[in-house]
């Protein structure tokens, strides 16, 4: 399975993006989320190769666990959700499906979800 790719769009503009241990080149280097990931998750660091631990030239890029990437993203953008909400499918399509289609038709997937 391919590693997840995340994009954060704010006001129609790319604000932050992550893929397989790296931040997209269009994201400014001093972005607060990137800086926090460098400090807390060793983003951009290197991991020793188990076969050549004393040879830094053989080391690979440190790829933080996605659960930690998602946790920091959630904290930074205010998207923290209870685990039960995500696991129990209480938010069917909330991040990928529009509430109203471009045609003006309502998306019925939201009928069983209490919306603000």
PDB file of N, CA and C in Angstrom:
ATOM      1  N   UNK A   1       0.844  -1.182   0.000  1.00  0.00           N
ATOM      2  CA  UNK A   1       0.000   0.000   0.000  1.00  0.00           C
ATOM      3  C   UNK A   1       0.885   1.239   0.000  1.00  0.00           C
ATOM      4  N   UNK A   2       0.505   2.218  -0.795  1.00  0.00           N
ATOM      5  CA  UNK A   2       1.263   3.459  -0.846  1.00  0.00           C
ATOM      6  C   UNK A   2       1.078   4.234   0.451  1.00  0.00           C
ATOM      7  N   UNK A   3       2.106   4.997   0.846  1.00  0.00           N
ATOM      8  CA  UNK A   3       1.940   5.828   2.041  1.00  0.00           C
ATOM      9  C   UNK A   3       0.921   6.925   1.779  1.00  0.00           C
ATOM     10  N   UNK A   4       0.238   7.374   2.819  1.00  0.00           N
ATOM     11  CA  UNK A   4      -0.762   8.430   2.652  1.00  0.00           C
ATOM     12  C   UNK A   4      -0.126   9.756   2.235  1.00  0.00           C
ATOM     13  N   UNK A   5      -0.864  10.489   1.459  1.00  0.00           N
ATOM     14  CA  UNK A   5      -0.491  11.844   1.089  1.00  0.00           C
ATOM     15  C   UNK A   5      -1.536  12.762   1.704  1.00  0.00           C
ATOM     16  N   UNK A   6      -1.092  13.782   2.398  1.00  0.00           N
ATOM     17  CA  UNK A   6      -2.038  14.712   3.008  1.00  0.00           C
ATOM     18  C   UNK A   6      -1.830  16.106   2.437  1.00  0.00           C
ATOM     19  N   UNK A   7      -2.931  16.770   2.182  1.00  0.00           N
ATOM     20  CA  UNK A   7      -2.922  18.156   1.726  1.00  0.00           C
ATOM     21  C   UNK A   7      -3.859  18.941   2.629  1.00  0.00           C
ATOM     22  N   UNK A   8      -3.422  20.111   3.034  1.00  0.00           N
ATOM     23  CA  UNK A   8      -4.285  21.001   3.802  1.00  0.00           C
ATOM     24  C   UNK A   8      -4.478  22.258   2.961  1.00  0.00           C
ATOM     25  N   UNK A   9      -5.720  22.506   2.612  1.00  0.00           N
ATOM     26  CA  UNK A   9      -6.071  23.670   1.807  1.00  0.00           C
ATOM     27  C   UNK A   9      -6.806  24.662   2.706  1.00  0.00           C
ATOM     28  N   UNK A  10      -6.313  25.868   2.779  1.00  0.00           N
ATOM     29  CA  UNK A  10      -6.935  26.917   3.586  1.00  0.00           C
ATOM     30  C   UNK A  10      -7.267  28.080   2.661  1.00  0.00           C
ATOM     31  N   UNK A  11      -8.534  28.481   2.649  1.00  0.00           N
ATOM     32  CA  UNK A  11      -9.004  29.567   1.784  1.00  0.00           C
ATOM     33  C   UNK A  11      -8.615  29.335   0.322  1.00  0.00           C
ATOM     34  N   UNK A  12      -8.704  28.077  -0.113  1.00  0.00           N
ATOM     35  CA  UNK A  12      -8.426  27.737  -1.500  1.00  0.00           C
ATOM     36  C   UNK A  12      -6.957  27.652  -1.862  1.00  0.00           C
ATOM     37  N   UNK A  13      -6.077  27.798  -0.901  1.00  0.00           N
ATOM     38  CA  UNK A  13      -4.634  27.778  -1.152  1.00  0.00           C
ATOM     39  C   UNK A  13      -3.982  26.640  -0.372  1.00  0.00           C
ATOM     40  N   UNK A  14      -2.949  26.024  -0.956  1.00  0.00           N
ATOM     41  CA  UNK A  14      -2.188  24.997  -0.247  1.00  0.00           C
ATOM     42  C   UNK A  14      -1.517  25.622   0.960  1.00  0.00           C
ATOM     43  N   UNK A  15      -1.797  25.093   2.129  1.00  0.00           N
ATOM     44  CA  UNK A  15      -1.160  25.589   3.346  1.00  0.00           C
ATOM     45  C   UNK A  15      -0.066  24.637   3.809  1.00  0.00           C
ATOM     46  N   UNK A  16      -0.320  23.332   3.667  1.00  0.00           N
ATOM     47  CA  UNK A  16       0.659  22.353   4.140  1.00  0.00           C
ATOM     48  C   UNK A  16       0.392  21.022   3.457  1.00  0.00           C
ATOM     49  N   UNK A  17       1.438  20.242   3.208  1.00  0.00           N
ATOM     50  CA  UNK A  17       1.285  18.944   2.571  1.00  0.00           C
ATOM     51  C   UNK A  17       2.415  18.027   3.026  1.00  0.00           C
ATOM     52  N   UNK A  18       2.100  16.745   3.161  1.00  0.00           N
ATOM     53  CA  UNK A  18       3.062  15.760   3.659  1.00  0.00           C
ATOM     54  C   UNK A  18       2.953  14.469   2.860  1.00  0.00           C
ATOM     55  N   UNK A  19       4.100  13.841   2.570  1.00  0.00           N
ATOM     56  CA  UNK A  19       4.119  12.548   1.909  1.00  0.00           C
ATOM     57  C   UNK A  19       5.385  11.802   2.289  1.00  0.00           C
ATOM     58  N   UNK A  20       5.226  10.647   2.903  1.00  0.00           N
ATOM     59  CA  UNK A  20       6.315   9.698   3.124  1.00  0.00           C
ATOM     60  C   UNK A  20       7.584  10.318   3.706  1.00  0.00           C
ATOM     61  N   UNK A  21       7.437  11.063   4.777  1.00  0.00           N
ATOM     62  CA  UNK A  21       8.594  11.611   5.477  1.00  0.00           C
ATOM     63  C   UNK A  21       9.031  12.992   5.043  1.00  0.00           C
ATOM     64  N   UNK A  22       8.303  13.602   4.128  1.00  0.00           N
ATOM     65  CA  UNK A  22       8.703  14.922   3.664  1.00  0.00           C
ATOM     66  C   UNK A  22       7.540  15.867   3.487  1.00  0.00           C
ATOM     67  N   UNK A  23       7.823  17.145   3.582  1.00  0.00           N
ATOM     68  CA  UNK A  23       6.831  18.195   3.383  1.00  0.00           C
ATOM     69  C   UNK A  23       6.979  18.706   1.956  1.00  0.00           C
ATOM     70  N   UNK A  24       5.863  19.006   1.319  1.00  0.00           N
ATOM     71  CA  UNK A  24       5.870  19.466  -0.075  1.00  0.00           C
ATOM     72  C   UNK A  24       6.761  20.696  -0.226  1.00  0.00           C
ATOM     73  N   UNK A  25       7.470  20.764  -1.342  1.00  0.00           N
ATOM     74  CA  UNK A  25       8.412  21.861  -1.580  1.00  0.00           C
ATOM     75  C   UNK A  25       7.756  23.231  -1.652  1.00  0.00           C
ATOM     76  N   UNK A  26       6.448  23.296  -1.937  1.00  0.00           N
ATOM     77  CA  UNK A  26       5.773  24.592  -1.999  1.00  0.00           C
ATOM     78  C   UNK A  26       5.397  25.142  -0.618  1.00  0.00           C
ATOM     79  N   UNK A  27       5.504  24.314   0.413  1.00  0.00           N
ATOM     80  CA  UNK A  27       5.204  24.752   1.780  1.00  0.00           C
ATOM     81  C   UNK A  27       6.438  25.474   2.319  1.00  0.00           C
ATOM     82  N   UNK A  28       6.214  26.656   2.868  1.00  0.00           N
ATOM     83  CA  UNK A  28       7.354  27.425   3.361  1.00  0.00           C
ATOM     84  C   UNK A  28       8.067  26.678   4.498  1.00  0.00           C
ATOM     85  N   UNK A  29       9.371  26.799   4.537  1.00  0.00           N
ATOM     86  CA  UNK A  29      10.194  26.045   5.478  1.00  0.00           C
ATOM     87  C   UNK A  29       9.910  26.400   6.939  1.00  0.00           C
ATOM     88  N   UNK A  30       9.468  27.621   7.190  1.00  0.00           N
ATOM     89  CA  UNK A  30       9.222  28.035   8.572  1.00  0.00           C
ATOM     90  C   UNK A  30       7.774  27.832   9.008  1.00  0.00           C
ATOM     91  N   UNK A  31       7.017  27.012   8.257  1.00  0.00           N
ATOM     92  CA  UNK A  31       5.618  26.750   8.630  1.00  0.00           C
ATOM     93  C   UNK A  31       5.604  26.179  10.057  1.00  0.00           C
ATOM     94  N   UNK A  32       4.727  26.674  10.942  1.00  0.00           N
ATOM     95  CA  UNK A  32       4.715  26.227  12.334  1.00  0.00           C
ATOM     96  C   UNK A  32       4.508  24.719  12.497  1.00  0.00           C
ATOM     97  N   UNK A  33       3.694  24.114  11.642  1.00  0.00           N
ATOM     98  CA  UNK A  33       3.469  22.672  11.753  1.00  0.00           C
ATOM     99  C   UNK A  33       4.730  21.898  11.378  1.00  0.00           C
ATOM    100  N   UNK A  34       5.407  22.323  10.344  1.00  0.00           N
ATOM    101  CA  UNK A  34       6.661  21.681   9.950  1.00  0.00           C
ATOM    102  C   UNK A  34       7.686  21.804  11.070  1.00  0.00           C
ATOM    103  N   UNK A  35       7.798  22.989  11.639  1.00  0.00           N
ATOM    104  CA  UNK A  35       8.764  23.204  12.719  1.00  0.00           C
ATOM    105  C   UNK A  35       8.458  22.326  13.930  1.00  0.00           C
ATOM    106  N   UNK A  36       7.188  22.182  14.246  1.00  0.00           N
ATOM    107  CA  UNK A  36       6.802  21.328  15.375  1.00  0.00           C
ATOM    108  C   UNK A  36       7.123  19.858  15.084  1.00  0.00           C
ATOM    109  N   UNK A  37       6.888  19.426  13.851  1.00  0.00           N
ATOM    110  CA  UNK A  37       7.189  18.036  13.494  1.00  0.00           C
ATOM    111  C   UNK A  37       8.689  17.767  13.517  1.00  0.00           C
ATOM    112  N   UNK A  38       9.483  18.767  13.132  1.00  0.00           N
ATOM    113  CA  UNK A  38      10.934  18.614  13.214  1.00  0.00           C
ATOM    114  C   UNK A  38      11.341  18.432  14.668  1.00  0.00           C
ATOM    115  N   UNK A  39      10.786  19.249  15.553  1.00  0.00           N
ATOM    116  CA  UNK A  39      11.143  19.207  16.963  1.00  0.00           C
ATOM    117  C   UNK A  39      10.639  17.949  17.671  1.00  0.00           C
ATOM    118  N   UNK A  40       9.395  17.561  17.391  1.00  0.00           N
ATOM    119  CA  UNK A  40       8.792  16.465  18.148  1.00  0.00           C
ATOM    120  C   UNK A  40       8.906  15.093  17.497  1.00  0.00           C
ATOM    121  N   UNK A  41       8.947  15.046  16.166  1.00  0.00           N
ATOM    122  CA  UNK A  41       8.911  13.759  15.465  1.00  0.00           C
ATOM    123  C   UNK A  41      10.193  13.462  14.688  1.00  0.00           C
ATOM    124  N   UNK A  42      11.183  14.351  14.791  1.00  0.00           N
ATOM    125  CA  UNK A  42      12.437  14.195  14.051  1.00  0.00           C
ATOM    126  C   UNK A  42      12.218  14.216  12.541  1.00  0.00           C
ATOM    127  N   UNK A  43      11.214  14.935  12.084  1.00  0.00           N
ATOM    128  CA  UNK A  43      10.948  15.052  10.656  1.00  0.00           C
ATOM    129  C   UNK A  43      12.204  15.560   9.959  1.00  0.00           C
ATOM    130  N   UNK A  44      12.592  14.898   8.884  1.00  0.00           N
ATOM    131  CA  UNK A  44      13.793  15.283   8.147  1.00  0.00           C
ATOM    132  C   UNK A  44      15.064  14.678   8.701  1.00  0.00           C
ATOM    133  N   UNK A  45      14.940  13.944   9.821  1.00  0.00           N
ATOM    134  CA  UNK A  45      16.111  13.304  10.408  1.00  0.00           C
ATOM    135  C   UNK A  45      16.487  12.032   9.665  1.00  0.00           C
ATOM    136  N   UNK A  46      17.491  11.347  10.170  1.00  0.00           N
ATOM    137  CA  UNK A  46      17.956  10.111   9.534  1.00  0.00           C
ATOM    138  C   UNK A  46      17.908   8.958  10.528  1.00  0.00           C
ATOM    139  N   UNK A  47      17.615   7.764  10.015  1.00  0.00           N
ATOM    140  CA  UNK A  47      17.624   6.542  10.816  1.00  0.00           C
ATOM    141  C   UNK A  47      18.789   5.671  10.370  1.00  0.00           C
ATOM    142  N   UNK A  48      19.540   5.126  11.333  1.00  0.00           N
ATOM    143  CA  UNK A  48      20.651   4.248  10.964  1.00  0.00           C
ATOM    144  C   UNK A  48      20.164   2.994  10.248  1.00  0.00           C
ATOM    145  N   UNK A  49      20.939   2.561   9.280  1.00  0.00           N
ATOM    146  CA  UNK A  49      20.672   1.290   8.600  1.00  0.00           C
ATOM    147  C   UNK A  49      21.094   0.178   9.555  1.00  0.00           C
ATOM    148  N   UNK A  50      20.210  -0.791   9.848  1.00  0.00           N
ATOM    149  CA  UNK A  50      20.566  -1.856  10.797  1.00  0.00           C
ATOM    150  C   UNK A  50      21.801  -2.643  10.368  1.00  0.00           C
ATOM    151  N   UNK A  51      22.029  -2.748   9.066  1.00  0.00           N
ATOM    152  CA  UNK A  51      23.195  -3.490   8.583  1.00  0.00           C
ATOM    153  C   UNK A  51      24.483  -2.667   8.637  1.00  0.00           C
ATOM    154  N   UNK A  52      24.343  -1.337   8.614  1.00  0.00           N
ATOM    155  CA  UNK A  52      25.512  -0.451   8.620  1.00  0.00           C
ATOM    156  C   UNK A  52      25.301   0.709   9.603  1.00  0.00           C
ATOM    157  N   UNK A  53      25.131   0.395  10.895  1.00  0.00           N
ATOM    158  CA  UNK A  53      24.797   1.471  11.841  1.00  0.00           C
ATOM    159  C   UNK A  53      25.896   2.506  12.029  1.00  0.00           C
ATOM    160  N   UNK A  54      27.123   2.151  11.687  1.00  0.00           N
ATOM    161  CA  UNK A  54      28.232   3.094  11.874  1.00  0.00           C
ATOM    162  C   UNK A  54      28.586   3.861  10.601  1.00  0.00           C
ATOM    163  N   UNK A  55      27.767   3.712   9.541  1.00  0.00           N
ATOM    164  CA  UNK A  55      28.051   4.385   8.278  1.00  0.00           C
ATOM    165  C   UNK A  55      26.895   5.324   7.913  1.00  0.00           C
ATOM    166  N   UNK A  56      27.001   6.584   8.308  1.00  0.00           N
ATOM    167  CA  UNK A  56      25.921   7.540   8.044  1.00  0.00           C
ATOM    168  C   UNK A  56      25.527   7.649   6.574  1.00  0.00           C
ATOM    169  N   UNK A  57      26.450   7.337   5.660  1.00  0.00           N
ATOM    170  CA  UNK A  57      26.110   7.401   4.230  1.00  0.00           C
ATOM    171  C   UNK A  57      25.051   6.373   3.852  1.00  0.00           C
ATOM    172  N   UNK A  58      24.871   5.351   4.669  1.00  0.00           N
ATOM    173  CA  UNK A  58      23.898   4.289   4.387  1.00  0.00           C
ATOM    174  C   UNK A  58      22.565   4.516   5.108  1.00  0.00           C
ATOM    175  N   UNK A  59      22.498   5.539   5.946  1.00  0.00           N
ATOM    176  CA  UNK A  59      21.288   5.789   6.713  1.00  0.00           C
ATOM    177  C   UNK A  59      20.171   6.272   5.799  1.00  0.00           C
ATOM    178  N   UNK A  60      18.912   6.069   6.246  1.00  0.00           N
ATOM    179  CA  UNK A  60      17.751   6.491   5.466  1.00  0.00           C
ATOM    180  C   UNK A  60      16.962   7.590   6.150  1.00  0.00           C
ATOM    181  N   UNK A  61      16.072   8.194   5.397  1.00  0.00           N
ATOM    182  CA  UNK A  61      15.211   9.255   5.912  1.00  0.00           C
ATOM    183  C   UNK A  61      14.301   8.710   7.010  1.00  0.00           C
ATOM    184  N   UNK A  62      14.214   9.426   8.108  1.00  0.00           N
ATOM    185  CA  UNK A  62      13.295   9.042   9.192  1.00  0.00           C
ATOM    186  C   UNK A  62      11.872   9.386   8.767  1.00  0.00           C
ATOM    187  N   UNK A  63      11.004   8.382   8.774  1.00  0.00           N
ATOM    188  CA  UNK A  63       9.598   8.585   8.436  1.00  0.00           C
ATOM    189  C   UNK A  63       8.784   8.395   9.717  1.00  0.00           C
ATOM    190  N   UNK A  64       8.239   9.482  10.271  1.00  0.00           N
ATOM    191  CA  UNK A  64       7.475   9.359  11.517  1.00  0.00           C
ATOM    192  C   UNK A  64       6.208   8.526  11.314  1.00  0.00           C
ATOM    193  N   UNK A  65       5.728   7.879  12.369  1.00  0.00           N
ATOM    194  CA  UNK A  65       4.458   7.140  12.263  1.00  0.00           C
ATOM    195  C   UNK A  65       3.323   8.085  11.872  1.00  0.00           C
ATOM    196  N   UNK A  66       2.455   7.627  10.972  1.00  0.00           N
ATOM    197  CA  UNK A  66       1.349   8.472  10.499  1.00  0.00           C
ATOM    198  C   UNK A  66       0.423   8.884  11.635  1.00  0.00           C
ATOM    199  N   UNK A  67       0.263   8.045  12.643  1.00  0.00           N
ATOM    200  CA  UNK A  67      -0.620   8.436  13.747  1.00  0.00           C
ATOM    201  C   UNK A  67      -0.101   9.707  14.411  1.00  0.00           C
ATOM    202  N   UNK A  68       1.228   9.862  14.487  1.00  0.00           N
ATOM    203  CA  UNK A  68       1.795  11.071  15.079  1.00  0.00           C
ATOM    204  C   UNK A  68       1.659  12.265  14.135  1.00  0.00           C
ATOM    205  N   UNK A  69       1.822  12.028  12.837  1.00  0.00           N
ATOM    206  CA  UNK A  69       1.639  13.096  11.859  1.00  0.00           C
ATOM    207  C   UNK A  69       0.198  13.608  11.932  1.00  0.00           C
ATOM    208  N   UNK A  70      -0.767  12.678  11.917  1.00  0.00           N
ATOM    209  CA  UNK A  70      -2.183  13.069  11.989  1.00  0.00           C
ATOM    210  C   UNK A  70      -2.509  13.756  13.319  1.00  0.00           C
ATOM    211  N   UNK A  71      -1.909  13.285  14.406  1.00  0.00           N
ATOM    212  CA  UNK A  71      -2.164  13.903  15.719  1.00  0.00           C
ATOM    213  C   UNK A  71      -1.719  15.369  15.719  1.00  0.00           C
ATOM    214  N   UNK A  72      -0.504  15.622  15.232  1.00  0.00           N
ATOM    215  CA  UNK A  72      -0.014  17.003  15.209  1.00  0.00           C
ATOM    216  C   UNK A  72      -0.789  17.859  14.212  1.00  0.00           C
ATOM    217  N   UNK A  73      -1.161  17.280  13.070  1.00  0.00           N
ATOM    218  CA  UNK A  73      -2.000  18.023  12.122  1.00  0.00           C
ATOM    219  C   UNK A  73      -3.316  18.414  12.770  1.00  0.00           C
ATOM    220  N   UNK A  74      -3.946  17.457  13.454  1.00  0.00           N
ATOM    221  CA  UNK A  74      -5.216  17.726  14.112  1.00  0.00           C
ATOM    222  C   UNK A  74      -5.094  18.820  15.149  1.00  0.00           C
ATOM    223  N   UNK A  75      -4.024  18.764  15.940  1.00  0.00           N
ATOM    224  CA  UNK A  75      -3.826  19.784  16.966  1.00  0.00           C
ATOM    225  C   UNK A  75      -3.572  21.152  16.329  1.00  0.00           C
ATOM    226  N   UNK A  76      -2.794  21.180  15.266  1.00  0.00           N
ATOM    227  CA  UNK A  76      -2.454  22.460  14.629  1.00  0.00           C
ATOM    228  C   UNK A  76      -3.677  23.112  13.976  1.00  0.00           C
ATOM    229  N   UNK A  77      -4.476  22.314  13.288  1.00  0.00           N
ATOM    230  CA  UNK A  77      -5.615  22.855  12.554  1.00  0.00           C
ATOM    231  C   UNK A  77      -6.930  22.762  13.317  1.00  0.00           C
ATOM    232  N   UNK A  78      -6.903  22.264  14.543  1.00  0.00           N
ATOM    233  CA  UNK A  78      -8.119  22.191  15.341  1.00  0.00           C
ATOM    234  C   UNK A  78      -9.092  21.137  14.855  1.00  0.00           C
ATOM    235  N   UNK A  79      -8.576  20.014  14.366  1.00  0.00           N
ATOM    236  CA  UNK A  79      -9.432  18.957  13.830  1.00  0.00           C
ATOM    237  C   UNK A  79      -9.430  17.710  14.700  1.00  0.00           C
ATOM    238  N   UNK A  80      -9.236  17.874  15.982  1.00  0.00           N
ATOM    239  CA  UNK A  80      -9.210  16.709  16.870  1.00  0.00           C
ATOM    240  C   UNK A  80     -10.596  16.100  16.990  1.00  0.00           C
ATOM    241  N   UNK A  81     -10.677  14.809  16.749  1.00  0.00           N
ATOM    242  CA  UNK A  81     -11.941  14.084  16.834  1.00  0.00           C
ATOM    243  C   UNK A  81     -11.766  12.909  17.776  1.00  0.00           C
ATOM    244  N   UNK A  82     -12.801  12.590  18.543  1.00  0.00           N
ATOM    245  CA  UNK A  82     -12.719  11.403  19.389  1.00  0.00           C
ATOM    246  C   UNK A  82     -12.545  10.155  18.526  1.00  0.00           C
ATOM    247  N   UNK A  83     -11.738   9.204  18.991  1.00  0.00           N
ATOM    248  CA  UNK A  83     -11.477   7.987  18.225  1.00  0.00           C
ATOM    249  C   UNK A  83     -12.772   7.267  17.857  1.00  0.00           C
ATOM    250  N   UNK A  84     -13.716   7.204  18.770  1.00  0.00           N
ATOM    251  CA  UNK A  84     -14.981   6.531  18.500  1.00  0.00           C
ATOM    252  C   UNK A  84     -15.727   7.147  17.335  1.00  0.00           C
ATOM    253  N   UNK A  85     -15.632   8.454  17.201  1.00  0.00           N
ATOM    254  CA  UNK A  85     -16.311   9.133  16.103  1.00  0.00           C
ATOM    255  C   UNK A  85     -15.755   8.686  14.763  1.00  0.00           C
ATOM    256  N   UNK A  86     -14.445   8.540  14.695  1.00  0.00           N
ATOM    257  CA  UNK A  86     -13.800   8.127  13.450  1.00  0.00           C
ATOM    258  C   UNK A  86     -14.016   6.638  13.200  1.00  0.00           C
ATOM    259  N   UNK A  87     -13.768   5.823  14.207  1.00  0.00           N
ATOM    260  CA  UNK A  87     -13.849   4.369  14.061  1.00  0.00           C
ATOM    261  C   UNK A  87     -15.270   3.891  13.813  1.00  0.00           C
ATOM    262  N   UNK A  88     -16.244   4.521  14.444  1.00  0.00           N
ATOM    263  CA  UNK A  88     -17.636   4.080  14.318  1.00  0.00           C
ATOM    264  C   UNK A  88     -18.344   4.671  13.099  1.00  0.00           C
ATOM    265  N   UNK A  89     -17.603   5.293  12.205  1.00  0.00           N
ATOM    266  CA  UNK A  89     -18.175   5.868  10.982  1.00  0.00           C
ATOM    267  C   UNK A  89     -19.269   6.894  11.255  1.00  0.00           C
ATOM    268  N   UNK A  90     -19.141   7.643  12.326  1.00  0.00           N
ATOM    269  CA  UNK A  90     -20.120   8.689  12.605  1.00  0.00           C
ATOM    270  C   UNK A  90     -19.986   9.869  11.645  1.00  0.00           C
ATOM    271  N   UNK A  91     -18.847   9.976  10.995  1.00  0.00           N
ATOM    272  CA  UNK A  91     -18.597  11.110  10.104  1.00  0.00           C
ATOM    273  C   UNK A  91     -18.460  10.637   8.664  1.00  0.00           C
ATOM    274  N   UNK A  92     -19.426   9.949   8.174  1.00  0.00           N
ATOM    275  CA  UNK A  92     -19.364   9.385   6.826  1.00  0.00           C
ATOM    276  C   UNK A  92     -19.072  10.474   5.802  1.00  0.00           C
ATOM    277  N   UNK A  93     -17.927  10.376   5.175  1.00  0.00           N
ATOM    278  CA  UNK A  93     -17.578  11.294   4.095  1.00  0.00           C
ATOM    279  C   UNK A  93     -17.426  12.747   4.476  1.00  0.00           C
ATOM    280  N   UNK A  94     -17.330  13.062   5.758  1.00  0.00           N
ATOM    281  CA  UNK A  94     -17.336  14.462   6.164  1.00  0.00           C
ATOM    282  C   UNK A  94     -16.155  15.240   5.584  1.00  0.00           C
ATOM    283  N   UNK A  95     -15.039  14.574   5.352  1.00  0.00           N
ATOM    284  CA  UNK A  95     -13.881  15.286   4.820  1.00  0.00           C
ATOM    285  C   UNK A  95     -13.757  15.152   3.306  1.00  0.00           C
ATOM    286  N   UNK A  96     -14.570  14.316   2.703  1.00  0.00           N
ATOM    287  CA  UNK A  96     -14.439  14.094   1.269  1.00  0.00           C
ATOM    288  C   UNK A  96     -15.712  14.346   0.482  1.00  0.00           C
ATOM    289  N   UNK A  97     -16.847  14.368   1.127  1.00  0.00           N
ATOM    290  CA  UNK A  97     -18.114  14.525   0.419  1.00  0.00           C
ATOM    291  C   UNK A  97     -18.740  15.884   0.728  1.00  0.00           C
ATOM    292  N   UNK A  98     -19.186  16.586  -0.300  1.00  0.00           N
ATOM    293  CA  UNK A  98     -19.829  17.879  -0.047  1.00  0.00           C
ATOM    294  C   UNK A  98     -21.214  17.682   0.569  1.00  0.00           C
ATOM    295  N   UNK A  99     -21.663  18.650   1.323  1.00  0.00           N
ATOM    296  CA  UNK A  99     -23.021  18.594   1.887  1.00  0.00           C
ATOM    297  C   UNK A  99     -24.053  18.835   0.795  1.00  0.00           C
ATOM    298  N   UNK A 100     -23.677  19.672  -0.165  1.00  0.00           N
ATOM    299  CA  UNK A 100     -24.552  19.972  -1.298  1.00  0.00           C
ATOM    300  C   UNK A 100     -23.701  19.856  -2.561  1.00  0.00           C
ATOM    301  N   UNK A 101     -24.218  19.129  -3.540  1.00  0.00           N
ATOM    302  CA  UNK A 101     -23.498  18.960  -4.799  1.00  0.00           C
ATOM    303  C   UNK A 101     -23.552  20.244  -5.627  1.00  0.00           C
ATOM    304  N   UNK A 102     -22.685  20.337  -6.633  1.00  0.00           N
ATOM    305  CA  UNK A 102     -22.644  21.525  -7.494  1.00  0.00           C
ATOM    306  C   UNK A 102     -23.989  21.759  -8.187  1.00  0.00           C
ATOM    307  N   UNK A 103     -24.737  20.690  -8.392  1.00  0.00           N
ATOM    308  CA  UNK A 103     -26.050  20.815  -9.035  1.00  0.00           C
ATOM    309  C   UNK A 103     -27.091  21.429  -8.101  1.00  0.00           C
ATOM    310  N   UNK A 104     -26.749  21.560  -6.809  1.00  0.00           N
ATOM    311  CA  UNK A 104     -27.689  22.075  -5.823  1.00  0.00           C
ATOM    312  C   UNK A 104     -28.417  20.980  -5.075  1.00  0.00           C
ATOM    313  N   UNK A 105     -28.237  19.739  -5.507  1.00  0.00           N
ATOM    314  CA  UNK A 105     -28.885  18.601  -4.843  1.00  0.00           C
ATOM    315  C   UNK A 105     -28.182  18.309  -3.512  1.00  0.00           C
ATOM    316  N   UNK A 106     -29.000  18.038  -2.477  1.00  0.00           N
ATOM    317  CA  UNK A 106     -28.491  17.713  -1.151  1.00  0.00           C
ATOM    318  C   UNK A 106     -27.826  16.339  -1.160  1.00  0.00           C
ATOM    319  N   UNK A 107     -26.740  16.180  -0.399  1.00  0.00           N
ATOM    320  CA  UNK A 107     -26.087  14.885  -0.241  1.00  0.00           C
ATOM    321  C   UNK A 107     -26.787  14.145   0.896  1.00  0.00           C
ATOM    322  N   UNK A 108     -27.471  13.046   0.593  1.00  0.00           N
ATOM    323  CA  UNK A 108     -28.263  12.323   1.601  1.00  0.00           C
ATOM    324  C   UNK A 108     -27.409  11.539   2.586  1.00  0.00           C
ATOM    325  N   UNK A 109     -26.109  11.431   2.344  1.00  0.00           N
ATOM    326  CA  UNK A 109     -25.238  10.717   3.290  1.00  0.00           C
ATOM    327  C   UNK A 109     -25.202  11.420   4.653  1.00  0.00           C
ATOM    328  N   UNK A 110     -25.592  12.681   4.682  1.00  0.00           N
ATOM    329  CA  UNK A 110     -25.553  13.440   5.923  1.00  0.00           C
ATOM    330  C   UNK A 110     -26.888  13.393   6.682  1.00  0.00           C
ATOM    331  N   UNK A 111     -27.868  12.714   6.157  1.00  0.00           N
ATOM    332  CA  UNK A 111     -29.195  12.702   6.776  1.00  0.00           C
ATOM    333  C   UNK A 111     -29.188  12.165   8.197  1.00  0.00           C
ATOM    334  N   UNK A 112     -28.316  11.222   8.520  1.00  0.00           N
ATOM    335  CA  UNK A 112     -28.300  10.627   9.853  1.00  0.00           C
ATOM    336  C   UNK A 112     -27.296  11.269  10.785  1.00  0.00           C
ATOM    337  N   UNK A 113     -26.686  12.371  10.356  1.00  0.00           N
ATOM    338  CA  UNK A 113     -25.676  13.057  11.178  1.00  0.00           C
ATOM    339  C   UNK A 113     -26.227  14.410  11.612  1.00  0.00           C
ATOM    340  N   UNK A 114     -26.139  14.670  12.916  1.00  0.00           N
ATOM    341  CA  UNK A 114     -26.566  15.984  13.429  1.00  0.00           C
ATOM    342  C   UNK A 114     -25.524  17.009  13.001  1.00  0.00           C
ATOM    343  N   UNK A 115     -25.919  17.973  12.239  1.00  0.00           N
ATOM    344  CA  UNK A 115     -25.003  19.018  11.782  1.00  0.00           C
ATOM    345  C   UNK A 115     -25.253  20.285  12.562  1.00  0.00           C
ATOM    346  N   UNK A 116     -24.190  21.090  12.714  1.00  0.00           N
ATOM    347  CA  UNK A 116     -24.356  22.368  13.437  1.00  0.00           C
ATOM    348  C   UNK A 116     -25.257  23.324  12.681  1.00  0.00           C
TER     349      UNK A 116
END
